[in-house]
Amino acid sequence: MAAEPLEESRPLKGGQRCRLDGEEERETNSVTADDYSDPVYKELAATNGRVNRMSREELRRKLAELKLDTRGVKDVLQKRLKNHYKQQKLWKEASDASTDTYYDYICIIDFEATCEEDNPSGYVHEIIEFPIVLLNTCTLQIEDTFQEYVRPEIKTQLSDFCISLTGITQDLVDKADTFPQVLQKAVDWMRQKELGTKYKYCILTDGSWDMSKFLNIQCRVSCIKYPRFAKKWINIRKSYGNFYKVPRNQTKLTIMLENLGMDYEGRPHSGLDDSCNIARIAVRMLQDGCQLRVNERLHGGQLMPVASTASLEGAPVPQNPSVKN
């Protein structure tokens, strides 16, 4: 599988691709003098050079003048301004592009699972909170949310550390349904929203663990097949790092919010509150011109990357949980 590039790009004439930072690449990765003669590239490169020389205060003033968001660290502000100029320049091309470059909805999921202060080797995490935040990519608004607590079946008693961390009490999980029942409720909710039928959608998570580890382990514990709708997803940490060009240690939830000029809202480690805050990051990235798209998948039980050149498909219609043979 090809490695994911650092930037999303749009095609220009002659096989060229104009990147947000003004750099350019060919499909063959070979660069010649002719690559730099395209007038669109030259104008964008010059504009981006001017943006690179601006101070943070100059960037904020220019963004305010353009009625754009002025919050965020300098790198974020530069990216926002560059992308504004790029969108203006390529507006006609963008308007002619296929609408398949966008999902109608993004489902943000951030599970909470059983844990100990020092998880012993081989510790089995069981999902105890299943939230979904439904983000409309057209209005950039959260349209609805789903939340169910889950009763664990292996370690039925939550640790004091887990209760303190997540805010989920023993009483909440004791009264909750088991995971297969909760998954069925989630599937019913997603079907009511016509996801996968009327609307194209995908899953988005904060990192790889929610799907590749927590859901994967939980399905084995519950003896059910891994749901097809969750086999591919957007890892927003990877998307954020590639889009804003920051190292991995700058892609934690609270740091992403801080760098975008936002504060965490709600209770940290509440699955629903975490999901809502992840949605806020996704909204800001979409506003800044990032084309969020699937970048990870589960294949044969193993985590694998999805190349940015892969066809853009929505997740399938959610199906009822089925027993694993």
Protein backbone atom coordinates (compact mmCIF):
# COMPACT_ATOMS: atom_id res chain seq x y z
CA MET A 1 0.00 0.00 0.00
CA ALA A 2 1.39 3.39 -0.97
CA ALA A 3 2.30 5.75 1.84
CA GLU A 4 -0.02 8.68 2.41
CA PRO A 5 1.33 11.97 1.01
CA LEU A 6 1.76 14.98 3.22
CA GLU A 7 -0.72 17.09 1.31
CA GLU A 8 -3.99 16.76 -0.53
CA SER A 9 -3.63 18.16 -4.03
CA ARG A 10 -5.74 19.10 -7.05
CA PRO A 11 -4.78 18.27 -10.63
CA LEU A 12 -3.70 21.03 -12.99
CA LYS A 13 -3.03 20.82 -16.70
CA GLY A 14 -0.31 18.64 -18.11
CA GLY A 15 -0.47 16.11 -15.26
CA GLN A 16 0.76 18.66 -12.72
CA ARG A 17 -0.61 18.80 -9.20
CA CYS A 18 -0.71 22.09 -7.32
CA ARG A 19 -0.16 21.64 -3.61
CA LEU A 20 -1.38 23.90 -0.85
CA ASP A 21 2.11 24.99 0.10
CA GLY A 22 2.94 26.03 -3.45
CA GLU A 23 5.17 23.04 -4.07
CA GLU A 24 4.48 20.84 -7.04
CA GLU A 25 4.80 17.19 -7.90
CA ARG A 26 4.30 14.98 -10.94
CA GLU A 27 2.84 11.52 -10.95
CA THR A 28 6.34 10.24 -11.74
CA ASN A 29 7.91 12.37 -8.97
CA SER A 30 10.34 13.77 -11.59
CA VAL A 31 10.68 17.55 -11.73
CA THR A 32 11.80 19.53 -14.76
CA ALA A 33 12.10 23.23 -15.52
CA ASP A 34 8.78 23.04 -17.39
CA ASP A 35 7.02 22.13 -14.15
CA TYR A 36 7.56 25.65 -12.87
CA SER A 37 6.27 27.42 -15.99
CA ASP A 38 2.58 26.86 -15.30
CA PRO A 39 1.09 30.31 -14.59
CA VAL A 40 -1.23 29.00 -11.89
CA TYR A 41 1.68 27.39 -10.07
CA LYS A 42 3.82 30.50 -10.40
CA GLU A 43 1.12 32.77 -9.02
CA LEU A 44 0.32 30.46 -6.10
CA ALA A 45 4.01 29.97 -5.32
CA ALA A 46 4.54 33.74 -5.22
CA THR A 47 1.47 34.22 -3.02
CA ASN A 48 2.57 31.48 -0.64
CA GLY A 49 6.01 33.03 -0.44
CA ARG A 50 4.45 36.30 0.70
CA VAL A 51 2.33 34.46 3.26
CA ASN A 52 5.43 32.68 4.60
CA ARG A 53 7.08 36.04 5.28
CA MET A 54 4.14 37.41 7.28
CA SER A 55 4.27 37.60 11.07
CA ARG A 56 1.51 36.07 13.18
CA GLU A 57 -0.08 39.48 13.73
CA GLU A 58 0.03 40.25 10.01
CA LEU A 59 -1.61 36.90 9.31
CA ARG A 60 -4.34 37.59 11.85
CA ARG A 61 -5.02 41.04 10.38
CA LYS A 62 -5.24 39.67 6.85
CA LEU A 63 -7.54 36.83 7.94
CA ALA A 64 -9.76 39.30 9.81
CA GLU A 65 -9.88 41.49 6.70
CA LEU A 66 -11.04 38.46 4.70
CA LYS A 67 -13.57 37.60 7.45
CA LEU A 68 -11.80 34.31 8.16
CA ASP A 69 -11.11 32.69 11.53
CA THR A 70 -8.12 34.32 13.25
CA ARG A 71 -7.59 31.67 15.94
CA GLY A 72 -4.67 29.25 15.98
CA VAL A 73 -0.90 29.08 16.01
CA LYS A 74 1.14 30.66 13.21
CA ASP A 75 1.44 27.46 11.12
CA VAL A 76 -2.34 27.02 11.20
CA LEU A 77 -2.94 30.66 10.22
CA GLN A 78 -0.51 30.35 7.31
CA LYS A 79 -2.26 27.22 6.10
CA ARG A 80 -5.67 28.90 6.36
CA LEU A 81 -4.61 31.96 4.38
CA LYS A 82 -2.76 29.96 1.71
CA ASN A 83 -5.75 27.73 1.21
CA HIS A 84 -8.07 30.73 0.91
CA TYR A 85 -5.97 32.13 -1.93
CA LYS A 86 -5.73 28.69 -3.54
CA GLN A 87 -9.49 28.20 -3.42
CA GLN A 88 -10.04 31.61 -4.97
CA LYS A 89 -7.62 30.84 -7.79
CA LEU A 90 -8.94 27.36 -8.48
CA TRP A 91 -12.61 28.08 -7.75
CA LYS A 92 -13.80 27.29 -11.25
CA GLU A 93 -11.89 24.03 -11.32
CA ALA A 94 -13.16 23.10 -7.87
CA SER A 95 -16.76 23.82 -8.85
CA ASP A 96 -16.39 21.55 -11.87
CA ALA A 97 -14.91 18.73 -9.82
CA SER A 98 -16.88 15.65 -8.91
CA THR A 99 -18.94 15.87 -5.76
CA ASP A 100 -17.55 12.43 -4.88
CA THR A 101 -14.66 14.24 -3.19
CA TYR A 102 -16.89 14.78 -0.15
CA TYR A 103 -18.96 12.64 2.20
CA ASP A 104 -22.45 13.84 3.11
CA TYR A 105 -21.92 12.87 6.73
CA ILE A 106 -19.06 11.95 9.01
CA CYS A 107 -19.73 9.73 12.04
CA ILE A 108 -17.27 10.51 14.82
CA ILE A 109 -16.79 7.61 17.25
CA ASP A 110 -14.64 7.63 20.39
CA PHE A 111 -15.16 4.54 22.54
CA GLU A 112 -14.46 4.34 26.26
CA ALA A 113 -13.27 0.98 27.54
CA THR A 114 -12.44 -0.79 30.78
CA CYS A 115 -8.96 -0.07 32.10
CA GLU A 116 -6.65 -0.27 35.09
CA GLU A 117 -4.17 2.32 36.28
CA ASP A 118 -1.40 -0.02 35.15
CA ASN A 119 -2.94 -2.39 32.63
CA PRO A 120 -1.32 -5.82 33.10
CA SER A 121 0.07 -7.69 30.12
CA GLY A 122 -2.72 -9.26 28.10
CA TYR A 123 -5.39 -7.06 29.65
CA VAL A 124 -8.64 -7.28 27.67
CA HIS A 125 -10.32 -3.91 27.17
CA GLU A 126 -14.11 -4.04 26.91
CA ILE A 127 -16.11 -1.15 25.47
CA ILE A 128 -18.27 0.55 28.11
CA GLU A 129 -19.44 3.63 26.16
CA PHE A 130 -20.51 3.73 22.50
CA PRO A 131 -21.00 7.31 21.22
CA ILE A 132 -21.60 8.57 17.68
CA VAL A 133 -21.61 12.22 16.63
CA LEU A 134 -23.25 12.87 13.26
CA LEU A 135 -21.53 15.75 11.43
CA ASN A 136 -23.15 17.24 8.32
CA THR A 137 -20.28 18.16 5.98
CA CYS A 138 -22.46 20.64 4.08
CA THR A 139 -23.69 22.71 7.03
CA LEU A 140 -20.67 21.84 9.23
CA GLN A 141 -23.10 21.31 12.08
CA ILE A 142 -23.57 18.39 14.47
CA GLU A 143 -27.02 17.12 13.49
CA ASP A 144 -27.49 14.45 16.11
CA THR A 145 -25.73 12.24 18.63
CA PHE A 146 -26.02 8.64 19.80
CA GLN A 147 -24.82 7.40 23.18
CA GLU A 148 -25.20 4.09 24.97
CA TYR A 149 -23.31 2.60 27.88
CA VAL A 150 -22.28 -1.04 27.66
CA ARG A 151 -22.21 -3.77 30.29
CA PRO A 152 -18.83 -5.57 30.31
CA GLU A 153 -18.91 -9.36 30.50
CA ILE A 154 -15.36 -10.40 31.43
CA LYS A 155 -14.48 -7.90 34.15
CA THR A 156 -17.91 -6.84 35.28
CA GLN A 157 -16.59 -4.57 38.06
CA LEU A 158 -15.04 -1.30 36.93
CA SER A 159 -11.78 -0.29 38.57
CA ASP A 160 -11.71 2.87 40.68
CA PHE A 161 -9.23 4.26 38.16
CA CYS A 162 -11.62 3.61 35.26
CA ILE A 163 -14.52 5.26 37.08
CA SER A 164 -12.40 8.29 37.95
CA LEU A 165 -10.99 8.60 34.42
CA THR A 166 -14.19 8.20 32.42
CA GLY A 167 -16.87 9.33 34.87
CA ILE A 168 -18.77 6.13 34.06
CA THR A 169 -20.15 4.59 37.25
CA GLN A 170 -20.71 0.96 38.12
CA ASP A 171 -24.45 1.61 38.26
CA LEU A 172 -24.47 2.92 34.66
CA VAL A 173 -22.87 -0.21 33.22
CA ASP A 174 -24.84 -2.58 35.46
CA LYS A 175 -28.06 -1.21 33.96
CA ALA A 176 -26.71 -1.18 30.40
CA ASP A 177 -27.12 -3.73 27.60
CA THR A 178 -24.33 -6.00 26.40
CA PHE A 179 -22.26 -4.96 23.40
CA PRO A 180 -24.17 -6.91 20.69
CA GLN A 181 -27.40 -5.27 21.87
CA VAL A 182 -25.83 -1.80 21.87
CA LEU A 183 -24.29 -2.37 18.44
CA GLN A 184 -27.76 -3.27 17.17
CA LYS A 185 -29.10 0.01 18.57
CA ALA A 186 -26.28 1.91 16.86
CA VAL A 187 -27.03 0.17 13.55
CA ASP A 188 -30.74 0.99 13.87
CA TRP A 189 -29.90 4.64 14.60
CA MET A 190 -27.58 4.88 11.59
CA ARG A 191 -30.21 3.33 9.34
CA GLN A 192 -32.78 5.85 10.54
CA LYS A 193 -30.36 8.54 9.36
CA GLU A 194 -30.29 6.79 5.92
CA LEU A 195 -26.52 6.43 6.06
CA GLY A 196 -25.20 4.31 3.23
CA THR A 197 -28.50 4.50 1.33
CA LYS A 198 -29.53 8.10 0.73
CA TYR A 199 -26.37 9.64 2.17
CA LYS A 200 -22.68 8.88 1.66
CA TYR A 201 -20.84 8.68 4.97
CA CYS A 202 -17.66 7.52 6.67
CA ILE A 203 -16.33 6.89 10.16
CA LEU A 204 -13.81 9.22 11.83
CA THR A 205 -11.77 8.49 14.95
CA ASP A 206 -9.07 10.10 17.08
CA GLY A 207 -6.28 7.67 16.28
CA SER A 208 -6.26 4.01 15.24
CA TRP A 209 -7.15 2.29 18.50
CA ASP A 210 -10.92 2.72 18.51
CA MET A 211 -11.44 0.49 15.48
CA SER A 212 -8.25 -1.56 15.16
CA LYS A 213 -8.04 -2.44 18.85
CA PHE A 214 -11.13 -1.70 20.99
CA LEU A 215 -13.82 -2.67 18.47
CA ASN A 216 -11.72 -5.53 17.12
CA ILE A 217 -11.20 -7.01 20.60
CA GLN A 218 -14.81 -6.41 21.62
CA CYS A 219 -16.17 -8.30 18.63
CA ARG A 220 -14.00 -11.29 19.55
CA VAL A 221 -15.15 -11.12 23.18
CA SER A 222 -18.80 -10.92 22.07
CA CYS A 223 -18.32 -13.65 19.42
CA ILE A 224 -19.73 -11.47 16.63
CA LYS A 225 -18.35 -10.51 13.24
CA TYR A 226 -16.55 -7.20 12.92
CA PRO A 227 -19.04 -4.72 11.35
CA ARG A 228 -18.32 -3.89 7.70
CA PHE A 229 -19.22 -0.22 8.13
CA ALA A 230 -16.27 0.20 10.53
CA LYS A 231 -13.58 -1.49 8.41
CA LYS A 232 -12.37 1.84 6.98
CA TRP A 233 -12.12 5.17 8.72
CA ILE A 234 -10.50 8.59 8.87
CA ASN A 235 -7.76 8.80 11.50
CA ILE A 236 -8.00 12.53 12.22
CA ARG A 237 -4.59 12.58 13.92
CA LYS A 238 -2.97 11.46 10.68
CA SER A 239 -5.07 13.89 8.62
CA TYR A 240 -4.28 16.78 10.97
CA GLY A 241 -0.55 16.06 11.01
CA ASN A 242 -0.35 15.81 7.23
CA PHE A 243 -2.50 18.86 6.54
CA TYR A 244 -0.89 21.26 9.01
CA LYS A 245 2.56 19.64 8.72
CA VAL A 246 3.10 18.96 12.40
CA PRO A 247 4.83 15.99 14.10
CA ARG A 248 2.89 13.15 15.69
CA ASN A 249 3.37 14.53 19.22
CA GLN A 250 1.33 17.58 18.17
CA THR A 251 -1.75 15.53 17.23
CA LYS A 252 -3.20 14.69 20.64
CA LEU A 253 -6.78 15.88 21.08
CA THR A 254 -6.09 18.71 23.53
CA ILE A 255 -3.04 19.89 21.57
CA MET A 256 -4.94 19.94 18.27
CA LEU A 257 -7.67 22.02 19.91
CA GLU A 258 -5.12 24.38 21.46
CA ASN A 259 -3.24 24.87 18.18
CA LEU A 260 -6.53 25.68 16.46
CA GLY A 261 -7.32 28.27 19.14
CA MET A 262 -10.05 26.26 20.87
CA ASP A 263 -10.60 24.96 24.39
CA TYR A 264 -11.88 21.50 25.27
CA GLU A 265 -15.61 21.56 25.97
CA GLY A 266 -17.12 19.08 28.44
CA ARG A 267 -15.54 16.28 30.45
CA PRO A 268 -12.29 14.73 29.17
CA HIS A 269 -12.57 10.96 28.60
CA SER A 270 -16.33 11.11 28.27
CA GLY A 271 -16.79 9.28 24.97
CA LEU A 272 -19.55 11.62 23.81
CA ASP A 273 -17.74 14.80 24.87
CA ASP A 274 -14.50 13.59 23.26
CA SER A 275 -16.42 12.84 20.05
CA CYS A 276 -18.00 16.31 20.02
CA ASN A 277 -14.58 17.94 20.44
CA ILE A 278 -13.12 15.77 17.68
CA ALA A 279 -16.02 16.95 15.50
CA ARG A 280 -15.05 20.58 16.23
CA ILE A 281 -11.52 19.84 14.98
CA ALA A 282 -12.94 18.19 11.85
CA VAL A 283 -15.12 21.25 11.19
CA ARG A 284 -12.14 23.61 11.49
CA MET A 285 -10.07 21.43 9.17
CA LEU A 286 -12.84 21.38 6.57
CA GLN A 287 -13.15 25.16 6.87
CA ASP A 288 -9.39 25.44 6.34
CA GLY A 289 -9.69 23.44 3.11
CA CYS A 290 -8.68 19.95 4.22
CA GLN A 291 -10.40 17.17 2.29
CA LEU A 292 -10.93 14.63 5.03
CA ARG A 293 -10.91 11.17 3.54
CA VAL A 294 -10.46 7.57 4.67
CA ASN A 295 -6.81 6.87 5.45
CA GLU A 296 -6.86 3.62 7.48
CA ARG A 297 -8.55 0.24 7.30
CA LEU A 298 -8.72 -3.13 9.01
CA HIS A 299 -7.83 -6.08 6.77
CA GLY A 300 -7.52 -9.62 8.08
CA GLY A 301 -7.57 -8.22 11.60
CA GLN A 302 -4.53 -6.03 10.86
CA LEU A 303 -4.32 -2.23 10.70
CA MET A 304 -3.33 -0.98 7.24
CA PRO A 305 -3.02 2.46 5.61
CA VAL A 306 -5.26 3.61 2.76
CA ALA A 307 -3.51 5.55 -0.01
CA SER A 308 -4.81 9.02 -0.81
CA THR A 309 -5.05 7.87 -4.44
CA ALA A 310 -7.58 5.15 -3.55
CA SER A 311 -11.11 5.56 -4.87
CA LEU A 312 -13.29 7.57 -2.53
CA GLU A 313 -16.08 5.29 -1.35
CA GLY A 314 -18.59 5.76 1.41
CA ALA A 315 -19.05 3.19 4.15
CA PRO A 316 -21.62 0.45 3.42
CA VAL A 317 -25.14 0.30 4.82
CA PRO A 318 -24.87 -0.76 8.48
CA GLN A 319 -25.90 -4.40 8.93
CA ASN A 320 -27.28 -6.20 11.98
CA PRO A 321 -24.63 -7.86 14.17
CA SER A 322 -24.07 -11.49 13.23
CA VAL A 323 -22.60 -14.36 15.21
CA LYS A 324 -19.06 -15.33 14.31
CA ASN A 325 -18.75 -18.92 13.08
